[in-house]
Amino acid sequence: MSHKRMHVFYSGRVQGVGFRYTARSIASRLGLAGWVRNLRDSKVEVVCEGEEKDLKGFLNAINNEFSGHYIVDTDISWEKPTQEFANFDIRF
């Protein structure tokens, strides 16, 4: 098992389209912990921890849900997990 932390910035038309709620639903279904929030520069930021296969499943599910004219760019960095999160939340 490989527990990891993923930090993602999505850009494009990703605000006002249910992105955060969909991300929370997908993360919860996969047993991931972390958070998602809108940024002032119109990007969405996601910090997520879990098993690598589940994190990749999250990325695939988000891409399937919002591909096309929503996501223009995805910037992903992999980090060491801190295990500071109990669940996956939307931050405002």
N, C-alpha and C. Protein backbone atom coordinates (compact mmCIF):
# COMPACT_ATOMS: atom_id res chain seq x y z
N MET A 1 0.84 -1.19 0.00
CA MET A 1 0.00 0.00 0.00
C MET A 1 0.88 1.24 0.00
N SER A 2 0.41 2.21 -0.74
CA SER A 2 1.19 3.43 -0.88
C SER A 2 0.32 4.65 -0.59
N HIS A 3 0.41 5.13 0.65
CA HIS A 3 -0.37 6.31 1.07
C HIS A 3 0.36 7.56 0.59
N LYS A 4 -0.36 8.42 -0.12
CA LYS A 4 0.25 9.63 -0.68
C LYS A 4 -0.65 10.84 -0.48
N ARG A 5 -0.06 11.99 -0.74
CA ARG A 5 -0.79 13.27 -0.72
C ARG A 5 -0.65 13.91 -2.08
N MET A 6 -1.75 14.42 -2.59
CA MET A 6 -1.78 15.04 -3.91
C MET A 6 -2.30 16.47 -3.75
N HIS A 7 -1.62 17.41 -4.40
CA HIS A 7 -2.02 18.81 -4.38
C HIS A 7 -2.28 19.20 -5.83
N VAL A 8 -3.52 19.59 -6.13
CA VAL A 8 -3.92 19.81 -7.52
C VAL A 8 -4.54 21.19 -7.68
N PHE A 9 -4.18 21.85 -8.78
CA PHE A 9 -4.84 23.09 -9.19
C PHE A 9 -5.48 22.85 -10.55
N TYR A 10 -6.78 23.06 -10.61
CA TYR A 10 -7.52 22.95 -11.87
C TYR A 10 -7.83 24.35 -12.37
N SER A 11 -7.61 24.59 -13.65
CA SER A 11 -7.98 25.88 -14.23
C SER A 11 -8.86 25.65 -15.44
N GLY A 12 -9.60 26.67 -15.79
CA GLY A 12 -10.57 26.61 -16.87
C GLY A 12 -11.90 27.14 -16.34
N ARG A 13 -12.98 26.59 -16.83
CA ARG A 13 -14.31 26.99 -16.34
C ARG A 13 -14.70 25.99 -15.26
N VAL A 14 -14.04 26.10 -14.11
CA VAL A 14 -14.20 25.11 -13.04
C VAL A 14 -14.93 25.65 -11.81
N GLN A 15 -15.34 26.90 -11.85
CA GLN A 15 -16.13 27.46 -10.76
C GLN A 15 -17.55 27.70 -11.25
N GLY A 16 -18.51 27.45 -10.36
CA GLY A 16 -19.91 27.66 -10.70
C GLY A 16 -20.51 26.53 -11.52
N VAL A 17 -19.84 25.37 -11.55
CA VAL A 17 -20.35 24.23 -12.33
C VAL A 17 -20.50 22.98 -11.47
N GLY A 18 -20.49 23.14 -10.14
CA GLY A 18 -20.64 21.99 -9.24
C GLY A 18 -19.35 21.22 -9.01
N PHE A 19 -18.22 21.81 -9.37
CA PHE A 19 -16.93 21.12 -9.29
C PHE A 19 -16.61 20.67 -7.86
N ARG A 20 -16.74 21.59 -6.89
CA ARG A 20 -16.37 21.26 -5.51
C ARG A 20 -17.24 20.16 -4.93
N TYR A 21 -18.53 20.21 -5.22
CA TYR A 21 -19.46 19.21 -4.69
C TYR A 21 -19.22 17.85 -5.33
N THR A 22 -18.91 17.85 -6.62
CA THR A 22 -18.59 16.61 -7.31
C THR A 22 -17.28 16.04 -6.77
N ALA A 23 -16.28 16.91 -6.56
CA ALA A 23 -14.99 16.46 -6.01
C ALA A 23 -15.19 15.84 -4.64
N ARG A 24 -16.01 16.46 -3.80
CA ARG A 24 -16.26 15.91 -2.46
C ARG A 24 -16.95 14.55 -2.55
N SER A 25 -17.90 14.42 -3.44
CA SER A 25 -18.62 13.17 -3.62
C SER A 25 -17.67 12.05 -4.08
N ILE A 26 -16.84 12.34 -5.07
CA ILE A 26 -15.90 11.35 -5.60
C ILE A 26 -14.89 10.96 -4.51
N ALA A 27 -14.33 11.96 -3.83
CA ALA A 27 -13.33 11.70 -2.78
C ALA A 27 -13.92 10.85 -1.66
N SER A 28 -15.13 11.18 -1.25
CA SER A 28 -15.78 10.43 -0.18
C SER A 28 -16.03 8.99 -0.60
N ARG A 29 -16.48 8.80 -1.84
CA ARG A 29 -16.74 7.45 -2.36
C ARG A 29 -15.46 6.61 -2.37
N LEU A 30 -14.32 7.26 -2.66
CA LEU A 30 -13.04 6.55 -2.73
C LEU A 30 -12.32 6.45 -1.38
N GLY A 31 -12.90 7.04 -0.35
CA GLY A 31 -12.30 6.98 0.98
C GLY A 31 -11.11 7.91 1.15
N LEU A 32 -11.09 9.01 0.37
CA LEU A 32 -9.98 9.97 0.45
C LEU A 32 -10.29 11.05 1.47
N ALA A 33 -9.26 11.67 2.00
CA ALA A 33 -9.41 12.75 2.96
C ALA A 33 -8.70 13.99 2.43
N GLY A 34 -9.21 15.17 2.81
CA GLY A 34 -8.60 16.42 2.37
C GLY A 34 -9.65 17.50 2.19
N TRP A 35 -9.45 18.35 1.19
CA TRP A 35 -10.39 19.45 0.96
C TRP A 35 -10.29 19.98 -0.47
N VAL A 36 -11.30 20.76 -0.83
CA VAL A 36 -11.37 21.43 -2.13
C VAL A 36 -11.87 22.85 -1.88
N ARG A 37 -11.36 23.82 -2.65
CA ARG A 37 -11.83 25.20 -2.51
C ARG A 37 -11.63 25.96 -3.82
N ASN A 38 -12.48 26.98 -4.00
CA ASN A 38 -12.32 27.92 -5.11
C ASN A 38 -11.26 28.94 -4.73
N LEU A 39 -10.48 29.36 -5.71
CA LEU A 39 -9.49 30.42 -5.50
C LEU A 39 -9.94 31.69 -6.21
N ARG A 40 -9.40 32.81 -5.79
CA ARG A 40 -9.78 34.10 -6.37
C ARG A 40 -9.39 34.23 -7.84
N ASP A 41 -8.39 33.45 -8.28
CA ASP A 41 -7.96 33.54 -9.68
C ASP A 41 -8.75 32.60 -10.60
N SER A 42 -9.91 32.14 -10.14
CA SER A 42 -10.83 31.28 -10.89
C SER A 42 -10.39 29.83 -10.98
N LYS A 43 -9.33 29.45 -10.27
CA LYS A 43 -8.91 28.05 -10.22
C LYS A 43 -9.61 27.35 -9.06
N VAL A 44 -9.53 26.03 -9.07
CA VAL A 44 -9.98 25.23 -7.94
C VAL A 44 -8.77 24.47 -7.42
N GLU A 45 -8.60 24.48 -6.09
CA GLU A 45 -7.48 23.81 -5.44
C GLU A 45 -7.99 22.60 -4.68
N VAL A 46 -7.27 21.48 -4.82
CA VAL A 46 -7.63 20.24 -4.12
C VAL A 46 -6.39 19.72 -3.39
N VAL A 47 -6.54 19.39 -2.12
CA VAL A 47 -5.51 18.67 -1.37
C VAL A 47 -6.18 17.39 -0.89
N CYS A 48 -5.55 16.28 -1.21
CA CYS A 48 -6.19 14.99 -1.02
C CYS A 48 -5.16 13.94 -0.59
N GLU A 49 -5.54 13.08 0.35
CA GLU A 49 -4.66 12.01 0.79
C GLU A 49 -5.38 10.68 0.73
N GLY A 50 -4.60 9.64 0.42
CA GLY A 50 -5.15 8.30 0.38
C GLY A 50 -4.19 7.38 -0.35
N GLU A 51 -4.69 6.20 -0.68
CA GLU A 51 -3.89 5.25 -1.44
C GLU A 51 -3.70 5.78 -2.86
N GLU A 52 -2.52 5.54 -3.41
CA GLU A 52 -2.19 6.07 -4.74
C GLU A 52 -3.22 5.66 -5.79
N LYS A 53 -3.68 4.42 -5.77
CA LYS A 53 -4.66 3.96 -6.76
C LYS A 53 -5.97 4.74 -6.63
N ASP A 54 -6.37 5.09 -5.40
CA ASP A 54 -7.59 5.86 -5.19
C ASP A 54 -7.41 7.32 -5.62
N LEU A 55 -6.23 7.88 -5.38
CA LEU A 55 -5.95 9.24 -5.84
C LEU A 55 -5.99 9.32 -7.36
N LYS A 56 -5.43 8.31 -8.03
CA LYS A 56 -5.48 8.27 -9.49
C LYS A 56 -6.92 8.06 -9.97
N GLY A 57 -7.68 7.29 -9.23
CA GLY A 57 -9.10 7.12 -9.53
C GLY A 57 -9.86 8.43 -9.42
N PHE A 58 -9.50 9.24 -8.42
CA PHE A 58 -10.10 10.56 -8.25
C PHE A 58 -9.80 11.43 -9.47
N LEU A 59 -8.53 11.47 -9.88
CA LEU A 59 -8.14 12.27 -11.05
C LEU A 59 -8.91 11.84 -12.30
N ASN A 60 -9.01 10.53 -12.50
CA ASN A 60 -9.74 10.02 -13.67
C ASN A 60 -11.22 10.38 -13.61
N ALA A 61 -11.83 10.24 -12.45
CA ALA A 61 -13.25 10.55 -12.31
C ALA A 61 -13.52 12.04 -12.54
N ILE A 62 -12.66 12.90 -12.00
CA ILE A 62 -12.82 14.35 -12.23
C ILE A 62 -12.66 14.66 -13.72
N ASN A 63 -11.65 14.07 -14.34
CA ASN A 63 -11.45 14.31 -15.78
C ASN A 63 -12.63 13.82 -16.60
N ASN A 64 -13.19 12.68 -16.25
CA ASN A 64 -14.36 12.16 -16.98
C ASN A 64 -15.57 13.07 -16.80
N GLU A 65 -15.73 13.61 -15.60
CA GLU A 65 -16.89 14.45 -15.29
C GLU A 65 -16.78 15.85 -15.92
N PHE A 66 -15.56 16.39 -15.94
CA PHE A 66 -15.39 17.79 -16.35
C PHE A 66 -14.49 17.97 -17.56
N SER A 67 -14.29 16.91 -18.35
CA SER A 67 -13.47 17.07 -19.55
C SER A 67 -14.22 17.93 -20.57
N GLY A 68 -13.57 18.24 -21.64
CA GLY A 68 -14.21 19.09 -22.64
C GLY A 68 -13.91 20.54 -22.37
N HIS A 69 -14.95 21.35 -22.24
CA HIS A 69 -14.70 22.79 -22.10
C HIS A 69 -14.65 23.28 -20.66
N TYR A 70 -14.52 22.41 -19.68
CA TYR A 70 -14.41 22.86 -18.29
C TYR A 70 -12.95 22.95 -17.83
N ILE A 71 -12.25 21.83 -17.82
CA ILE A 71 -10.86 21.83 -17.36
C ILE A 71 -9.94 22.16 -18.54
N VAL A 72 -9.15 23.21 -18.37
CA VAL A 72 -8.18 23.61 -19.39
C VAL A 72 -6.79 23.10 -19.01
N ASP A 73 -6.47 23.15 -17.71
CA ASP A 73 -5.15 22.73 -17.25
C ASP A 73 -5.26 22.10 -15.87
N THR A 74 -4.42 21.11 -15.62
CA THR A 74 -4.35 20.44 -14.32
C THR A 74 -2.89 20.42 -13.89
N ASP A 75 -2.60 21.02 -12.74
CA ASP A 75 -1.24 21.06 -12.20
C ASP A 75 -1.22 20.21 -10.93
N ILE A 76 -0.53 19.07 -11.00
CA ILE A 76 -0.52 18.10 -9.90
C ILE A 76 0.88 18.02 -9.29
N SER A 77 0.95 18.07 -7.97
CA SER A 77 2.21 17.77 -7.29
C SER A 77 1.93 16.69 -6.25
N TRP A 78 2.89 15.78 -6.10
CA TRP A 78 2.78 14.68 -5.13
C TRP A 78 3.65 15.00 -3.93
N GLU A 79 3.10 14.81 -2.75
CA GLU A 79 3.79 15.18 -1.52
C GLU A 79 3.71 14.05 -0.51
N LYS A 80 4.44 14.18 0.57
CA LYS A 80 4.35 13.20 1.65
C LYS A 80 3.05 13.46 2.42
N PRO A 81 2.33 12.40 2.76
CA PRO A 81 1.08 12.58 3.49
C PRO A 81 1.32 13.04 4.93
N THR A 82 0.41 13.87 5.41
CA THR A 82 0.48 14.35 6.80
C THR A 82 -0.56 13.66 7.68
N GLN A 83 -1.54 13.03 7.06
CA GLN A 83 -2.65 12.37 7.75
C GLN A 83 -3.34 13.30 8.75
N GLU A 84 -3.46 14.58 8.36
CA GLU A 84 -4.11 15.56 9.24
C GLU A 84 -5.61 15.65 9.02
N PHE A 85 -6.14 14.97 7.99
CA PHE A 85 -7.56 15.11 7.67
C PHE A 85 -8.33 13.88 8.08
N ALA A 86 -9.54 14.09 8.62
CA ALA A 86 -10.41 12.99 9.00
C ALA A 86 -11.37 12.63 7.87
N ASN A 87 -11.72 13.62 7.03
CA ASN A 87 -12.64 13.38 5.93
C ASN A 87 -12.33 14.39 4.80
N PHE A 88 -13.22 14.51 3.85
CA PHE A 88 -13.01 15.42 2.72
C PHE A 88 -14.05 16.53 2.80
N ASP A 89 -13.60 17.77 2.86
CA ASP A 89 -14.47 18.92 3.06
C ASP A 89 -14.37 19.92 1.92
N ILE A 90 -15.41 20.73 1.82
CA ILE A 90 -15.38 21.91 0.94
C ILE A 90 -14.99 23.08 1.83
N ARG A 91 -13.96 23.79 1.43
CA ARG A 91 -13.56 24.99 2.19
C ARG A 91 -14.05 26.22 1.45
N PHE A 92 -14.49 27.21 2.23
CA PHE A 92 -15.00 28.45 1.65
C PHE A 92 -14.13 29.62 1.99
